[in-house]
PDB file of all heavy atoms in Angstrom:
ATOM      1  N   ARG A   1    -119.534  40.960 103.235  1.00  0.00           N
ATOM      2  CA  ARG A   1    -119.725  39.524 103.300  1.00  0.00           C
ATOM      3  C   ARG A   1    -120.131  38.991 101.935  1.00  0.00           C
ATOM      4  O   ARG A   1    -120.235  37.786 101.653  1.00  0.00           O
ATOM      5  CB  ARG A   1    -120.907  39.333 104.388  1.00  0.00           C
ATOM      6  CG  ARG A   1    -120.463  39.732 105.704  1.00  0.00           C
ATOM      7  CD  ARG A   1    -121.403  39.260 106.737  1.00  0.00           C
ATOM      8  NE  ARG A   1    -121.055  39.837 108.070  1.00  0.00           N
ATOM      9  CZ  ARG A   1    -120.368  39.228 108.857  1.00  0.00           C
ATOM     10  NH1 ARG A   1    -119.853  37.946 108.655  1.00  0.00           N
ATOM     11  NH2 ARG A   1    -120.170  39.773 110.067  1.00  0.00           N
ATOM     12  N   MET A   2    -120.529  39.857 101.015  1.00  0.00           N
ATOM     13  CA  MET A   2    -120.908  39.336  99.694  1.00  0.00           C
ATOM     14  C   MET A   2    -119.773  39.354  98.658  1.00  0.00           C
ATOM     15  O   MET A   2    -119.974  39.177  97.434  1.00  0.00           O
ATOM     16  CB  MET A   2    -122.014  40.314  99.140  1.00  0.00           C
ATOM     17  CG  MET A   2    -123.306  40.151  99.972  1.00  0.00           C
ATOM     18  SD  MET A   2    -123.976  38.515 100.150  1.00  0.00           S
ATOM     19  CE  MET A   2    -124.546  38.213  98.435  1.00  0.00           C
ATOM     20  N   MET A   3    -118.563  39.688  99.087  1.00  0.00           N
ATOM     21  CA  MET A   3    -117.445  39.726  98.199  1.00  0.00           C
ATOM     22  C   MET A   3    -116.847  38.354  97.990  1.00  0.00           C
ATOM     23  O   MET A   3    -116.280  37.779  98.868  1.00  0.00           O
ATOM     24  CB  MET A   3    -116.422  40.770  98.799  1.00  0.00           C
ATOM     25  CG  MET A   3    -115.223  40.954  97.825  1.00  0.00           C
ATOM     26  SD  MET A   3    -115.584  41.855  96.319  1.00  0.00           S
ATOM     27  CE  MET A   3    -116.054  43.438  97.036  1.00  0.00           C
ATOM     28  N   LEU A   4    -116.944  37.870  96.801  1.00  0.00           N
ATOM     29  CA  LEU A   4    -116.384  36.508  96.504  1.00  0.00           C
ATOM     30  C   LEU A   4    -114.908  36.749  96.004  1.00  0.00           C
ATOM     31  O   LEU A   4    -114.538  37.845  95.490  1.00  0.00           O
ATOM     32  CB  LEU A   4    -117.196  35.894  95.365  1.00  0.00           C
ATOM     33  CG  LEU A   4    -118.601  35.555  95.712  1.00  0.00           C
ATOM     34  CD1 LEU A   4    -119.358  35.029  94.440  1.00  0.00           C
ATOM     35  CD2 LEU A   4    -118.711  34.521  96.958  1.00  0.00           C
ATOM     36  N   PRO A   5    -114.053  35.756  96.126  1.00  0.00           N
ATOM     37  CA  PRO A   5    -112.709  35.807  95.586  1.00  0.00           C
ATOM     38  C   PRO A   5    -112.666  36.244  94.101  1.00  0.00           C
ATOM     39  O   PRO A   5    -111.791  36.955  93.677  1.00  0.00           O
ATOM     40  CB  PRO A   5    -112.180  34.454  95.843  1.00  0.00           C
ATOM     41  CG  PRO A   5    -112.934  33.777  96.956  1.00  0.00           C
ATOM     42  CD  PRO A   5    -114.356  34.464  96.767  1.00  0.00           C
ATOM     43  N   GLN A   6    -113.632  35.703  93.332  1.00  0.00           N
ATOM     44  CA  GLN A   6    -113.753  36.146  91.966  1.00  0.00           C
ATOM     45  C   GLN A   6    -113.946  37.610  91.784  1.00  0.00           C
ATOM     46  O   GLN A   6    -113.402  38.211  90.699  1.00  0.00           O
ATOM     47  CB  GLN A   6    -114.785  35.238  91.180  1.00  0.00           C
ATOM     48  CG  GLN A   6    -114.467  33.788  91.104  1.00  0.00           C
ATOM     49  CD  GLN A   6    -115.008  33.093  92.299  1.00  0.00           C
ATOM     50  OE1 GLN A   6    -115.442  33.678  93.377  1.00  0.00           O
ATOM     51  NE2 GLN A   6    -114.948  31.783  92.219  1.00  0.00           N
ATOM     52  N   HIS A   7    -114.822  38.219  92.617  1.00  0.00           N
ATOM     53  CA  HIS A   7    -115.087  39.676  92.513  1.00  0.00           C
ATOM     54  C   HIS A   7    -113.782  40.411  92.833  1.00  0.00           C
ATOM     55  O   HIS A   7    -113.388  41.354  92.186  1.00  0.00           O
ATOM     56  CB  HIS A   7    -116.082  39.978  93.536  1.00  0.00           C
ATOM     57  CG  HIS A   7    -117.481  39.454  93.206  1.00  0.00           C
ATOM     58  ND1 HIS A   7    -118.338  39.332  94.192  1.00  0.00           N
ATOM     59  CD2 HIS A   7    -118.032  39.085  92.112  1.00  0.00           C
ATOM     60  CE1 HIS A   7    -119.456  38.760  93.680  1.00  0.00           C
ATOM     61  NE2 HIS A   7    -119.315  38.672  92.370  1.00  0.00           N
ATOM     62  N   LYS A   8    -113.086  39.903  93.801  1.00  0.00           N
ATOM     63  CA  LYS A   8    -111.817  40.682  94.241  1.00  0.00           C
ATOM     64  C   LYS A   8    -110.852  40.470  93.075  1.00  0.00           C
ATOM     65  O   LYS A   8    -110.132  41.551  92.765  1.00  0.00           O
ATOM     66  CB  LYS A   8    -111.223  39.961  95.579  1.00  0.00           C
ATOM     67  CG  LYS A   8    -109.978  40.615  95.979  1.00  0.00           C
ATOM     68  CD  LYS A   8    -109.487  40.027  97.300  1.00  0.00           C
ATOM     69  CE  LYS A   8    -108.285  40.746  97.798  1.00  0.00           C
ATOM     70  NZ  LYS A   8    -107.813  40.082  98.955  1.00  0.00           N
ATOM     71  N   GLU A   9    -110.680  39.316  92.408  1.00  0.00           N
ATOM     72  CA  GLU A   9    -109.715  39.167  91.398  1.00  0.00           C
ATOM     73  C   GLU A   9    -110.105  40.091  90.205  1.00  0.00           C
ATOM     74  O   GLU A   9    -109.180  40.610  89.526  1.00  0.00           O
ATOM     75  CB  GLU A   9    -109.710  37.711  90.877  1.00  0.00           C
ATOM     76  CG  GLU A   9    -109.007  36.810  91.831  1.00  0.00           C
ATOM     77  CD  GLU A   9    -109.232  35.335  91.420  1.00  0.00           C
ATOM     78  OE1 GLU A   9    -109.475  35.059  90.267  1.00  0.00           O
ATOM     79  OE2 GLU A   9    -108.985  34.458  92.332  1.00  0.00           O
ATOM     80  N   ARG A  10    -111.420  40.167  89.873  1.00  0.00           N
ATOM     81  CA  ARG A  10    -111.869  40.975  88.804  1.00  0.00           C
ATOM     82  C   ARG A  10    -111.610  42.433  89.064  1.00  0.00           C
ATOM     83  O   ARG A  10    -111.319  43.201  88.073  1.00  0.00           O
ATOM     84  CB  ARG A  10    -113.385  40.726  88.564  1.00  0.00           C
ATOM     85  CG  ARG A  10    -114.008  41.519  87.371  1.00  0.00           C
ATOM     86  CD  ARG A  10    -113.323  41.038  86.112  1.00  0.00           C
ATOM     87  NE  ARG A  10    -113.819  41.899  84.980  1.00  0.00           N
ATOM     88  CZ  ARG A  10    -113.147  42.645  84.141  1.00  0.00           C
ATOM     89  NH1 ARG A  10    -111.795  42.704  84.302  1.00  0.00           N
ATOM     90  NH2 ARG A  10    -113.685  43.356  83.307  1.00  0.00           N
ATOM     91  N   ILE A  11    -111.843  42.977  90.273  1.00  0.00           N
ATOM     92  CA  ILE A  11    -111.575  44.339  90.494  1.00  0.00           C
ATOM     93  C   ILE A  11    -110.075  44.647  90.417  1.00  0.00           C
ATOM     94  O   ILE A  11    -109.699  45.652  89.847  1.00  0.00           O
ATOM     95  CB  ILE A  11    -112.016  44.659  91.986  1.00  0.00           C
ATOM     96  CG1 ILE A  11    -113.576  44.631  92.017  1.00  0.00           C
ATOM     97  CG2 ILE A  11    -111.502  45.986  92.488  1.00  0.00           C
ATOM     98  CD1 ILE A  11    -114.141  44.749  93.520  1.00  0.00           C
ATOM     99  N   ILE A  12    -109.154  43.742  90.868  1.00  0.00           N
ATOM    100  CA  ILE A  12    -107.718  43.921  90.791  1.00  0.00           C
ATOM    101  C   ILE A  12    -107.342  43.876  89.309  1.00  0.00           C
ATOM    102  O   ILE A  12    -106.546  44.741  88.801  1.00  0.00           O
ATOM    103  CB  ILE A  12    -106.972  42.845  91.605  1.00  0.00           C
ATOM    104  CG1 ILE A  12    -107.269  43.054  93.016  1.00  0.00           C
ATOM    105  CG2 ILE A  12    -105.511  42.952  91.252  1.00  0.00           C
ATOM    106  CD1 ILE A  12    -106.680  42.029  93.926  1.00  0.00           C
ATOM    107  N   GLN A  13    -107.876  43.024  88.487  1.00  0.00           N
ATOM    108  CA  GLN A  13    -107.631  42.899  87.091  1.00  0.00           C
ATOM    109  C   GLN A  13    -108.065  44.222  86.346  1.00  0.00           C
ATOM    110  O   GLN A  13    -107.396  44.716  85.509  1.00  0.00           O
ATOM    111  CB  GLN A  13    -108.330  41.636  86.436  1.00  0.00           C
ATOM    112  CG  GLN A  13    -108.054  41.423  85.033  1.00  0.00           C
ATOM    113  CD  GLN A  13    -108.805  40.288  84.447  1.00  0.00           C
ATOM    114  OE1 GLN A  13    -109.866  39.862  85.073  1.00  0.00           O
ATOM    115  NE2 GLN A  13    -108.447  39.783  83.312  1.00  0.00           N
ATOM    116  N   HIS A  14    -109.245  44.712  86.787  1.00  0.00           N
ATOM    117  CA  HIS A  14    -109.748  45.875  86.116  1.00  0.00           C
ATOM    118  C   HIS A  14    -108.767  47.079  86.391  1.00  0.00           C
ATOM    119  O   HIS A  14    -108.586  47.964  85.496  1.00  0.00           O
ATOM    120  CB  HIS A  14    -111.145  46.217  86.590  1.00  0.00           C
ATOM    121  CG  HIS A  14    -111.720  47.504  86.007  1.00  0.00           C
ATOM    122  ND1 HIS A  14    -112.031  47.616  84.748  1.00  0.00           N
ATOM    123  CD2 HIS A  14    -111.966  48.661  86.689  1.00  0.00           C
ATOM    124  CE1 HIS A  14    -112.502  48.901  84.553  1.00  0.00           C
ATOM    125  NE2 HIS A  14    -112.481  49.503  85.685  1.00  0.00           N
ATOM    126  N   ARG A  15    -108.246  47.153  87.659  1.00  0.00           N
ATOM    127  CA  ARG A  15    -107.389  48.332  87.973  1.00  0.00           C
ATOM    128  C   ARG A  15    -106.058  48.246  87.157  1.00  0.00           C
ATOM    129  O   ARG A  15    -105.640  49.241  86.859  1.00  0.00           O
ATOM    130  CB  ARG A  15    -107.160  48.255  89.483  1.00  0.00           C
ATOM    131  CG  ARG A  15    -108.242  48.701  90.257  1.00  0.00           C
ATOM    132  CD  ARG A  15    -107.890  48.814  91.804  1.00  0.00           C
ATOM    133  NE  ARG A  15    -109.009  49.166  92.551  1.00  0.00           N
ATOM    134  CZ  ARG A  15    -109.136  48.923  93.881  1.00  0.00           C
ATOM    135  NH1 ARG A  15    -108.071  48.437  94.452  1.00  0.00           N
ATOM    136  NH2 ARG A  15    -110.160  49.368  94.542  1.00  0.00           N
ATOM    137  N   THR A  16    -105.585  47.067  86.922  1.00  0.00           N
ATOM    138  CA  THR A  16    -104.345  46.915  86.147  1.00  0.00           C
ATOM    139  C   THR A  16    -104.569  47.256  84.698  1.00  0.00           C
ATOM    140  O   THR A  16    -103.669  47.689  83.964  1.00  0.00           O
ATOM    141  CB  THR A  16    -103.718  45.562  86.285  1.00  0.00           C
ATOM    142  OG1 THR A  16    -104.553  44.532  85.861  1.00  0.00           O
ATOM    143  CG2 THR A  16    -103.320  45.258  87.622  1.00  0.00           C
ATOM    144  N   GLN A  17    -105.782  47.033  84.160  1.00  0.00           N
ATOM    145  CA  GLN A  17    -106.077  47.178  82.754  1.00  0.00           C
ATOM    146  C   GLN A  17    -106.395  48.627  82.404  1.00  0.00           C
ATOM    147  O   GLN A  17    -106.373  49.045  81.290  1.00  0.00           O
ATOM    148  CB  GLN A  17    -107.264  46.326  82.247  1.00  0.00           C
ATOM    149  CG  GLN A  17    -106.906  44.876  82.130  1.00  0.00           C
ATOM    150  CD  GLN A  17    -108.115  44.099  81.733  1.00  0.00           C
ATOM    151  OE1 GLN A  17    -109.186  44.500  81.772  1.00  0.00           O
ATOM    152  NE2 GLN A  17    -107.835  42.757  81.412  1.00  0.00           N
ATOM    153  N   ILE A  18    -106.585  49.443  83.413  1.00  0.00           N
ATOM    154  CA  ILE A  18    -106.926  50.913  83.138  1.00  0.00           C
ATOM    155  C   ILE A  18    -105.726  51.521  82.506  1.00  0.00           C
ATOM    156  O   ILE A  18    -105.954  52.414  81.602  1.00  0.00           O
ATOM    157  CB  ILE A  18    -107.313  51.588  84.514  1.00  0.00           C
ATOM    158  CG1 ILE A  18    -108.610  51.046  85.022  1.00  0.00           C
ATOM    159  CG2 ILE A  18    -107.275  53.091  84.301  1.00  0.00           C
ATOM    160  CD1 ILE A  18    -109.035  51.580  86.361  1.00  0.00           C
ATOM    161  N   HIS A  19    -104.523  51.231  82.852  1.00  0.00           N
ATOM    162  CA  HIS A  19    -103.376  51.874  82.371  1.00  0.00           C
ATOM    163  C   HIS A  19    -102.851  51.327  81.006  1.00  0.00           C
ATOM    164  O   HIS A  19    -101.970  51.848  80.475  1.00  0.00           O
ATOM    165  CB  HIS A  19    -102.176  51.755  83.357  1.00  0.00           C
ATOM    166  CG  HIS A  19    -102.505  52.328  84.709  1.00  0.00           C
ATOM    167  ND1 HIS A  19    -102.812  53.661  84.868  1.00  0.00           N
ATOM    168  CD2 HIS A  19    -102.800  51.622  85.894  1.00  0.00           C
ATOM    169  CE1 HIS A  19    -103.137  53.929  86.142  1.00  0.00           C
ATOM    170  NE2 HIS A  19    -103.117  52.685  86.778  1.00  0.00           N
ATOM    171  N   VAL A  20    -103.477  50.347  80.413  1.00  0.00           N
ATOM    172  CA  VAL A  20    -103.171  49.705  79.109  1.00  0.00           C
ATOM    173  C   VAL A  20    -103.735  50.651  78.012  1.00  0.00           C
ATOM    174  O   VAL A  20    -104.914  50.971  78.081  1.00  0.00           O
ATOM    175  CB  VAL A  20    -103.556  48.375  78.942  1.00  0.00           C
ATOM    176  CG1 VAL A  20    -103.310  47.828  77.577  1.00  0.00           C
ATOM    177  CG2 VAL A  20    -103.004  47.492  80.019  1.00  0.00           C
ATOM    178  N   GLN A  21    -102.907  51.024  77.077  1.00  0.00           N
ATOM    179  CA  GLN A  21    -103.338  51.867  76.105  1.00  0.00           C
ATOM    180  C   GLN A  21    -103.358  51.164  74.681  1.00  0.00           C
ATOM    181  O   GLN A  21    -102.447  50.333  74.493  1.00  0.00           O
ATOM    182  CB  GLN A  21    -102.706  53.227  75.893  1.00  0.00           C
ATOM    183  CG  GLN A  21    -101.169  53.132  75.796  1.00  0.00           C
ATOM    184  CD  GLN A  21    -100.510  54.524  75.736  1.00  0.00           C
ATOM    185  OE1 GLN A  21    -101.146  55.403  75.218  1.00  0.00           O
ATOM    186  NE2 GLN A  21     -99.309  54.528  76.280  1.00  0.00           N
ATOM    187  N   ALA A  22    -104.232  51.584  73.776  1.00  0.00           N
ATOM    188  CA  ALA A  22    -104.221  50.951  72.521  1.00  0.00           C
ATOM    189  C   ALA A  22    -103.330  51.663  71.546  1.00  0.00           C
ATOM    190  O   ALA A  22    -102.984  52.931  71.675  1.00  0.00           O
ATOM    191  CB  ALA A  22    -105.653  51.017  71.860  1.00  0.00           C
ATOM    192  N   LYS A  23    -102.762  50.969  70.543  1.00  0.00           N
ATOM    193  CA  LYS A  23    -101.921  51.493  69.542  1.00  0.00           C
ATOM    194  C   LYS A  23    -102.632  52.559  68.634  1.00  0.00           C
ATOM    195  O   LYS A  23    -103.687  52.223  68.139  1.00  0.00           O
ATOM    196  CB  LYS A  23    -101.191  50.478  68.629  1.00  0.00           C
ATOM    197  CG  LYS A  23    -100.169  51.096  67.740  1.00  0.00           C
ATOM    198  CD  LYS A  23     -99.513  49.980  67.021  1.00  0.00           C
ATOM    199  CE  LYS A  23     -98.383  50.404  66.095  1.00  0.00           C
ATOM    200  NZ  LYS A  23     -98.716  51.410  65.086  1.00  0.00           N
ATOM    201  N   PRO A  24    -102.105  53.747  68.475  1.00  0.00           N
ATOM    202  CA  PRO A  24    -102.912  54.709  67.706  1.00  0.00           C
ATOM    203  C   PRO A  24    -102.835  54.444  66.202  1.00  0.00           C
ATOM    204  O   PRO A  24    -101.876  53.729  65.743  1.00  0.00           O
ATOM    205  CB  PRO A  24    -102.142  56.076  67.912  1.00  0.00           C
ATOM    206  CG  PRO A  24    -100.799  55.564  68.355  1.00  0.00           C
ATOM    207  CD  PRO A  24    -100.967  54.323  69.082  1.00  0.00           C
ATOM    208  N   LEU A  25    -103.851  54.737  65.520  1.00  0.00           N
ATOM    209  CA  LEU A  25    -103.918  54.574  64.087  1.00  0.00           C
ATOM    210  C   LEU A  25    -103.128  55.728  63.397  1.00  0.00           C
ATOM    211  O   LEU A  25    -103.409  56.826  63.676  1.00  0.00           O
ATOM    212  CB  LEU A  25    -105.358  54.534  63.563  1.00  0.00           C
ATOM    213  CG  LEU A  25    -106.249  53.327  64.045  1.00  0.00           C
ATOM    214  CD1 LEU A  25    -107.632  53.491  63.604  1.00  0.00           C
ATOM    215  CD2 LEU A  25    -105.659  52.044  63.490  1.00  0.00           C
ATOM    216  N   ILE A  26    -102.248  55.340  62.482  1.00  0.00           N
ATOM    217  CA  ILE A  26    -101.439  56.354  61.882  1.00  0.00           C
ATOM    218  C   ILE A  26    -101.811  56.393  60.468  1.00  0.00           C
ATOM    219  O   ILE A  26    -101.902  55.424  59.738  1.00  0.00           O
ATOM    220  CB  ILE A  26     -99.894  56.012  62.039  1.00  0.00           C
ATOM    221  CG1 ILE A  26     -99.558  55.957  63.555  1.00  0.00           C
ATOM    222  CG2 ILE A  26     -99.062  56.936  61.325  1.00  0.00           C
ATOM    223  CD1 ILE A  26     -98.162  55.451  63.807  1.00  0.00           C
ATOM    224  N   HIS A  27    -102.006  57.665  59.962  1.00  0.00           N
ATOM    225  CA  HIS A  27    -102.505  57.928  58.626  1.00  0.00           C
ATOM    226  C   HIS A  27    -101.333  57.624  57.595  1.00  0.00           C
ATOM    227  O   HIS A  27    -100.159  57.675  57.990  1.00  0.00           O
ATOM    228  CB  HIS A  27    -102.887  59.369  58.482  1.00  0.00           C
ATOM    229  CG  HIS A  27    -103.628  59.702  57.307  1.00  0.00           C
ATOM    230  ND1 HIS A  27    -103.056  60.137  56.134  1.00  0.00           N
ATOM    231  CD2 HIS A  27    -105.033  59.697  56.997  1.00  0.00           C
ATOM    232  CE1 HIS A  27    -103.992  60.323  55.240  1.00  0.00           C
ATOM    233  NE2 HIS A  27    -105.139  59.979  55.756  1.00  0.00           N
ATOM    234  N   GLU A  28    -101.692  57.357  56.420  1.00  0.00           N
ATOM    235  CA  GLU A  28    -100.704  57.077  55.390  1.00  0.00           C
ATOM    236  C   GLU A  28     -99.696  58.196  55.192  1.00  0.00           C
ATOM    237  O   GLU A  28     -98.501  57.928  54.931  1.00  0.00           O
ATOM    238  CB  GLU A  28    -101.360  56.834  54.028  1.00  0.00           C
ATOM    239  CG  GLU A  28    -102.051  55.498  53.874  1.00  0.00           C
ATOM    240  CD  GLU A  28    -102.724  55.362  52.417  1.00  0.00           C
ATOM    241  OE1 GLU A  28    -102.065  55.777  51.472  1.00  0.00           O
ATOM    242  OE2 GLU A  28    -103.793  54.780  52.360  1.00  0.00           O
ATOM    243  N   ASP A  29    -100.119  59.392  55.310  1.00  0.00           N
ATOM    244  CA  ASP A  29     -99.243  60.607  55.152  1.00  0.00           C
ATOM    245  C   ASP A  29     -98.168  60.552  56.233  1.00  0.00           C
ATOM    246  O   ASP A  29     -96.949  60.848  55.955  1.00  0.00           O
ATOM    247  CB  ASP A  29    -100.030  61.852  55.079  1.00  0.00           C
ATOM    248  CG  ASP A  29    -100.871  62.060  53.916  1.00  0.00           C
ATOM    249  OD1 ASP A  29    -100.697  61.327  52.893  1.00  0.00           O
ATOM    250  OD2 ASP A  29    -101.849  62.831  54.023  1.00  0.00           O
ATOM    251  N   GLU A  30     -98.584  60.261  57.445  1.00  0.00           N
ATOM    252  CA  GLU A  30     -97.690  60.208  58.601  1.00  0.00           C
ATOM    253  C   GLU A  30     -96.679  59.089  58.376  1.00  0.00           C
ATOM    254  O   GLU A  30     -95.492  59.207  58.670  1.00  0.00           O
ATOM    255  CB  GLU A  30     -98.427  60.068  59.899  1.00  0.00           C
ATOM    256  CG  GLU A  30     -97.565  60.195  61.138  1.00  0.00           C
ATOM    257  CD  GLU A  30     -96.926  61.506  61.338  1.00  0.00           C
ATOM    258  OE1 GLU A  30     -97.482  62.509  60.871  1.00  0.00           O
ATOM    259  OE2 GLU A  30     -95.769  61.473  61.988  1.00  0.00           O
ATOM    260  N   TRP A  31     -97.093  57.871  57.842  1.00  0.00           N
ATOM    261  CA  TRP A  31     -96.208  56.801  57.567  1.00  0.00           C
ATOM    262  C   TRP A  31     -95.215  57.229  56.558  1.00  0.00           C
ATOM    263  O   TRP A  31     -93.935  56.781  56.611  1.00  0.00           O
ATOM    264  CB  TRP A  31     -96.905  55.586  57.049  1.00  0.00           C
ATOM    265  CG  TRP A  31     -97.597  54.719  58.183  1.00  0.00           C
ATOM    266  CD1 TRP A  31     -98.914  54.469  58.319  1.00  0.00           C
ATOM    267  CD2 TRP A  31     -96.955  54.085  59.281  1.00  0.00           C
ATOM    268  NE1 TRP A  31     -99.083  53.788  59.423  1.00  0.00           N
ATOM    269  CE2 TRP A  31     -97.854  53.504  60.085  1.00  0.00           C
ATOM    270  CE3 TRP A  31     -95.588  53.940  59.608  1.00  0.00           C
ATOM    271  CZ2 TRP A  31     -97.560  52.683  61.142  1.00  0.00           C
ATOM    272  CZ3 TRP A  31     -95.259  53.207  60.764  1.00  0.00           C
ATOM    273  CH2 TRP A  31     -96.232  52.605  61.492  1.00  0.00           C
TER     274      TRP A  31
END
C-alpha cells in the first residue's frame, strides 16, 4: 500500500542500469 508509482519507476530504472558498464581506462602503452 505504500508503493508509489514513482517508487515502481525508480526500481525498474535501477534494474535496467545494473547492466550498463563504464568504458575502461586504457593506458598509453596499450593505446
